[in-house]
Amino acid sequence: YGVRAVVDIAYNSDGLGSQVKDISRRQGISQRYLEQIFQKLKRGGILGSKRGPAGGYSLAKKPEHITVWEIVKTTEGQLDPVACVNPKNGGRHCERAENCVTRVIWTEAGNRLKAYLDSVTVRDLCEMAQKMGVKKERDESFVYTI
């Protein structure tokens, strides 16, 4: 959900703030859950926010400087295929770890997945969306003054 939301902001906002209600509607993710994800992304330096009528969430960095892995790591922590691969990150220690051939495979699979996710940027995903013909829906914020 974090990756979808960040790509939504990058793709639809044109550098302006995006409202949670608009992202929620476009992505089919509850506003409450998005707010929880966005707090993590703000702490991780991926998103910024601005209050007020013209406010909303925006990218804190350029899309080409945000990787999918950075988003996943910020929102989910580590992404290990099985719990025993990394006991330091909440996984259980297994007494068979030192002699387990499959653990070697799971460790390598996790490393390859992380490397791949680290090679894909938000900009890459926006370009993919454009090639796929995903319609941009620019948020329209109206400010009325008298």
C-alpha atoms as a PDB file:
ATOM      1  CA  TYR A   1       0.000   0.000   0.000  1.00  0.00           C
ATOM      2  CA  GLY A   2       2.857   2.361   0.765  1.00  0.00           C
ATOM      3  CA  VAL A   3       4.350   1.925  -2.700  1.00  0.00           C
ATOM      4  CA  ARG A   4       0.964   2.448  -4.370  1.00  0.00           C
ATOM      5  CA  ALA A   5       0.302   5.577  -2.337  1.00  0.00           C
ATOM      6  CA  VAL A   6       3.720   7.123  -3.014  1.00  0.00           C
ATOM      7  CA  VAL A   7       3.427   6.399  -6.731  1.00  0.00           C
ATOM      8  CA  ASP A   8      -0.084   7.884  -6.702  1.00  0.00           C
ATOM      9  CA  ILE A   9       1.271  11.112  -5.197  1.00  0.00           C
ATOM     10  CA  ALA A  10       4.154  11.257  -7.681  1.00  0.00           C
ATOM     11  CA  TYR A  11       1.952  10.454 -10.673  1.00  0.00           C
ATOM     12  CA  ASN A  12      -1.062  12.634  -9.933  1.00  0.00           C
ATOM     13  CA  SER A  13       0.134  15.609  -7.901  1.00  0.00           C
ATOM     14  CA  ASP A  14       2.441  17.463 -10.316  1.00  0.00           C
ATOM     15  CA  GLY A  15       4.543  18.478  -7.313  1.00  0.00           C
ATOM     16  CA  LEU A  16       1.584  19.855  -5.354  1.00  0.00           C
ATOM     17  CA  GLY A  17       0.063  18.424  -2.184  1.00  0.00           C
ATOM     18  CA  SER A  18      -2.240  15.421  -2.495  1.00  0.00           C
ATOM     19  CA  GLN A  19      -5.205  14.953  -0.187  1.00  0.00           C
ATOM     20  CA  VAL A  20      -5.589  11.643   1.654  1.00  0.00           C
ATOM     21  CA  LYS A  21      -9.230  11.406   0.576  1.00  0.00           C
ATOM     22  CA  ASP A  22      -8.234  11.578  -3.100  1.00  0.00           C
ATOM     23  CA  ILE A  23      -5.461   8.990  -2.762  1.00  0.00           C
ATOM     24  CA  SER A  24      -7.839   6.775  -0.776  1.00  0.00           C
ATOM     25  CA  ARG A  25     -10.488   6.952  -3.494  1.00  0.00           C
ATOM     26  CA  ARG A  26      -8.071   6.322  -6.365  1.00  0.00           C
ATOM     27  CA  GLN A  27      -6.237   3.447  -4.664  1.00  0.00           C
ATOM     28  CA  GLY A  28      -9.064   1.828  -2.707  1.00  0.00           C
ATOM     29  CA  ILE A  29      -7.182   2.119   0.588  1.00  0.00           C
ATOM     30  CA  SER A  30      -8.905   3.430   3.721  1.00  0.00           C
ATOM     31  CA  GLN A  31      -8.021   6.970   4.773  1.00  0.00           C
ATOM     32  CA  ARG A  32      -7.273   5.846   8.302  1.00  0.00           C
ATOM     33  CA  TYR A  33      -4.789   3.230   7.104  1.00  0.00           C
ATOM     34  CA  LEU A  34      -3.165   5.693   4.681  1.00  0.00           C
ATOM     35  CA  GLU A  35      -2.620   8.141   7.536  1.00  0.00           C
ATOM     36  CA  GLN A  36      -0.767   5.430   9.477  1.00  0.00           C
ATOM     37  CA  ILE A  37       1.411   4.609   6.477  1.00  0.00           C
ATOM     38  CA  PHE A  38       2.066   8.293   5.785  1.00  0.00           C
ATOM     39  CA  GLN A  39       3.306   8.866   9.338  1.00  0.00           C
ATOM     40  CA  LYS A  40       5.978   6.210   8.774  1.00  0.00           C
ATOM     41  CA  LEU A  41       6.852   7.658   5.369  1.00  0.00           C
ATOM     42  CA  LYS A  42       7.168  11.143   6.874  1.00  0.00           C
ATOM     43  CA  ARG A  43       9.487   9.855   9.625  1.00  0.00           C
ATOM     44  CA  GLY A  44      11.493   8.047   6.925  1.00  0.00           C
ATOM     45  CA  GLY A  45      11.978  11.247   4.943  1.00  0.00           C
ATOM     46  CA  ILE A  46      10.013  10.040   1.927  1.00  0.00           C
ATOM     47  CA  LEU A  47       6.943  12.273   2.337  1.00  0.00           C
ATOM     48  CA  GLY A  48       6.353  15.771   3.584  1.00  0.00           C
ATOM     49  CA  SER A  49       3.067  17.352   4.549  1.00  0.00           C
ATOM     50  CA  LYS A  50       1.524  20.779   4.670  1.00  0.00           C
ATOM     51  CA  ARG A  51      -1.613  21.781   6.570  1.00  0.00           C
ATOM     52  CA  GLY A  52      -4.322  24.058   5.312  1.00  0.00           C
ATOM     53  CA  PRO A  53      -6.589  24.418   2.294  1.00  0.00           C
ATOM     54  CA  ALA A  54      -3.771  24.026  -0.234  1.00  0.00           C
ATOM     55  CA  GLY A  55      -2.017  21.402   1.871  1.00  0.00           C
ATOM     56  CA  GLY A  56      -1.646  17.681   1.650  1.00  0.00           C
ATOM     57  CA  TYR A  57       1.121  15.145   1.253  1.00  0.00           C
ATOM     58  CA  SER A  58       3.974  15.531  -1.203  1.00  0.00           C
ATOM     59  CA  LEU A  59       7.238  13.776  -1.956  1.00  0.00           C
ATOM     60  CA  ALA A  60      10.154  14.932   0.185  1.00  0.00           C
ATOM     61  CA  LYS A  61      12.588  13.876  -2.549  1.00  0.00           C
ATOM     62  CA  LYS A  62      12.507  13.626  -6.318  1.00  0.00           C
ATOM     63  CA  PRO A  63      10.828  10.442  -7.616  1.00  0.00           C
ATOM     64  CA  GLU A  64      14.088   9.240  -9.161  1.00  0.00           C
ATOM     65  CA  HIS A  65      15.690   9.311  -5.692  1.00  0.00           C
ATOM     66  CA  ILE A  66      13.067   7.137  -3.975  1.00  0.00           C
ATOM     67  CA  THR A  67      13.353   3.383  -4.484  1.00  0.00           C
ATOM     68  CA  VAL A  68      10.665   0.789  -3.934  1.00  0.00           C
ATOM     69  CA  TRP A  69      12.960  -0.860  -1.373  1.00  0.00           C
ATOM     70  CA  GLU A  70      13.220   2.386   0.600  1.00  0.00           C
ATOM     71  CA  ILE A  71       9.424   2.590   0.808  1.00  0.00           C
ATOM     72  CA  VAL A  72       9.019  -1.079   1.770  1.00  0.00           C
ATOM     73  CA  LYS A  73      11.780  -0.922   4.373  1.00  0.00           C
ATOM     74  CA  THR A  74      10.285   2.252   5.859  1.00  0.00           C
ATOM     75  CA  THR A  75       6.751   0.898   6.075  1.00  0.00           C
ATOM     76  CA  GLU A  76       7.362  -2.804   6.722  1.00  0.00           C
ATOM     77  CA  GLY A  77      10.846  -3.094   8.183  1.00  0.00           C
ATOM     78  CA  GLN A  78      12.843  -5.956   6.725  1.00  0.00           C
ATOM     79  CA  LEU A  79      11.421  -8.185   4.022  1.00  0.00           C
ATOM     80  CA  ASP A  80      12.804 -11.636   4.708  1.00  0.00           C
ATOM     81  CA  PRO A  81      11.146 -14.626   2.981  1.00  0.00           C
ATOM     82  CA  VAL A  82      11.224 -16.761   6.157  1.00  0.00           C
ATOM     83  CA  ALA A  83      11.524 -15.792   9.818  1.00  0.00           C
ATOM     84  CA  CYS A  84      14.744 -17.667  10.524  1.00  0.00           C
ATOM     85  CA  VAL A  85      16.749 -15.704   7.941  1.00  0.00           C
ATOM     86  CA  ASN A  86      17.120 -12.674  10.184  1.00  0.00           C
ATOM     87  CA  PRO A  87      16.438 -13.392  13.878  1.00  0.00           C
ATOM     88  CA  LYS A  88      17.523  -9.832  14.784  1.00  0.00           C
ATOM     89  CA  ASN A  89      14.438  -8.455  13.032  1.00  0.00           C
ATOM     90  CA  GLY A  90      11.802 -10.374  14.921  1.00  0.00           C
ATOM     91  CA  GLY A  91      12.465 -13.763  13.384  1.00  0.00           C
ATOM     92  CA  ARG A  92      12.799 -16.869  15.518  1.00  0.00           C
ATOM     93  CA  HIS A  93      16.182 -18.439  16.023  1.00  0.00           C
ATOM     94  CA  CYS A  94      16.220 -21.964  14.731  1.00  0.00           C
ATOM     95  CA  GLU A  95      18.499 -24.596  16.243  1.00  0.00           C
ATOM     96  CA  ARG A  96      19.036 -25.977  12.730  1.00  0.00           C
ATOM     97  CA  ALA A  97      20.179 -22.624  11.284  1.00  0.00           C
ATOM     98  CA  GLU A  98      23.876 -23.562  11.105  1.00  0.00           C
ATOM     99  CA  ASN A  99      23.177 -26.762   9.125  1.00  0.00           C
ATOM    100  CA  CYS A 100      20.157 -25.747   7.094  1.00  0.00           C
ATOM    101  CA  VAL A 101      20.684 -25.789   3.354  1.00  0.00           C
ATOM    102  CA  THR A 102      17.306 -24.180   2.619  1.00  0.00           C
ATOM    103  CA  ARG A 103      18.181 -21.202   4.825  1.00  0.00           C
ATOM    104  CA  VAL A 104      20.994 -20.410   2.376  1.00  0.00           C
ATOM    105  CA  ILE A 105      18.510 -20.354  -0.488  1.00  0.00           C
ATOM    106  CA  TRP A 106      16.025 -18.173   1.421  1.00  0.00           C
ATOM    107  CA  THR A 107      18.781 -15.751   2.379  1.00  0.00           C
ATOM    108  CA  GLU A 108      19.878 -15.406  -1.249  1.00  0.00           C
ATOM    109  CA  ALA A 109      16.265 -15.053  -2.437  1.00  0.00           C
ATOM    110  CA  GLY A 110      15.747 -12.238   0.067  1.00  0.00           C
ATOM    111  CA  ASN A 111      18.959 -10.511  -1.024  1.00  0.00           C
ATOM    112  CA  ARG A 112      17.962 -10.691  -4.691  1.00  0.00           C
ATOM    113  CA  LEU A 113      14.492  -9.362  -3.969  1.00  0.00           C
ATOM    114  CA  LYS A 114      15.931  -6.441  -1.986  1.00  0.00           C
ATOM    115  CA  ALA A 115      18.444  -5.678  -4.749  1.00  0.00           C
ATOM    116  CA  TYR A 116      15.692  -5.698  -7.377  1.00  0.00           C
ATOM    117  CA  LEU A 117      13.375  -3.470  -5.315  1.00  0.00           C
ATOM    118  CA  ASP A 118      16.304  -1.132  -4.714  1.00  0.00           C
ATOM    119  CA  SER A 119      16.850  -0.843  -8.478  1.00  0.00           C
ATOM    120  CA  VAL A 120      13.305   0.362  -9.196  1.00  0.00           C
ATOM    121  CA  THR A 121      12.471   4.006  -8.484  1.00  0.00           C
ATOM    122  CA  VAL A 122       9.174   5.815  -8.107  1.00  0.00           C
ATOM    123  CA  ARG A 123      10.005   7.593 -11.349  1.00  0.00           C
ATOM    124  CA  ASP A 124      10.351   4.204 -13.090  1.00  0.00           C
ATOM    125  CA  LEU A 125       6.892   3.212 -11.844  1.00  0.00           C
ATOM    126  CA  CYS A 126       5.381   6.515 -12.997  1.00  0.00           C
ATOM    127  CA  GLU A 127       6.886   5.947 -16.447  1.00  0.00           C
ATOM    128  CA  MET A 128       5.441   2.411 -16.468  1.00  0.00           C
ATOM    129  CA  ALA A 129       2.012   3.786 -15.531  1.00  0.00           C
ATOM    130  CA  GLN A 130       2.187   6.291 -18.355  1.00  0.00           C
ATOM    131  CA  LYS A 131       3.156   3.565 -20.869  1.00  0.00           C
ATOM    132  CA  MET A 132       0.271   1.431 -19.593  1.00  0.00           C
ATOM    133  CA  GLY A 133      -2.097   4.318 -20.244  1.00  0.00           C
ATOM    134  CA  VAL A 134      -3.040   4.917 -16.609  1.00  0.00           C
ATOM    135  CA  LYS A 135      -5.078   8.104 -16.591  1.00  0.00           C
ATOM    136  CA  LYS A 136      -3.686  10.941 -14.508  1.00  0.00           C
ATOM    137  CA  GLU A 137      -6.180  12.483 -12.152  1.00  0.00           C
ATOM    138  CA  ARG A 138      -4.920  15.794 -10.907  1.00  0.00           C
ATOM    139  CA  ASP A 139      -6.214  16.841  -7.521  1.00  0.00           C
ATOM    140  CA  GLU A 140      -8.209  20.019  -7.775  1.00  0.00           C
ATOM    141  CA  SER A 141      -8.045  22.232  -4.715  1.00  0.00           C
ATOM    142  CA  PHE A 142     -10.090  25.351  -4.849  1.00  0.00           C
ATOM    143  CA  VAL A 143      -9.289  28.308  -2.662  1.00  0.00           C
ATOM    144  CA  TYR A 144     -11.970  30.989  -2.455  1.00  0.00           C
ATOM    145  CA  THR A 145     -11.133  34.471  -1.240  1.00  0.00           C
ATOM    146  CA  ILE A 146     -13.233  37.557  -0.967  1.00  0.00           C
END
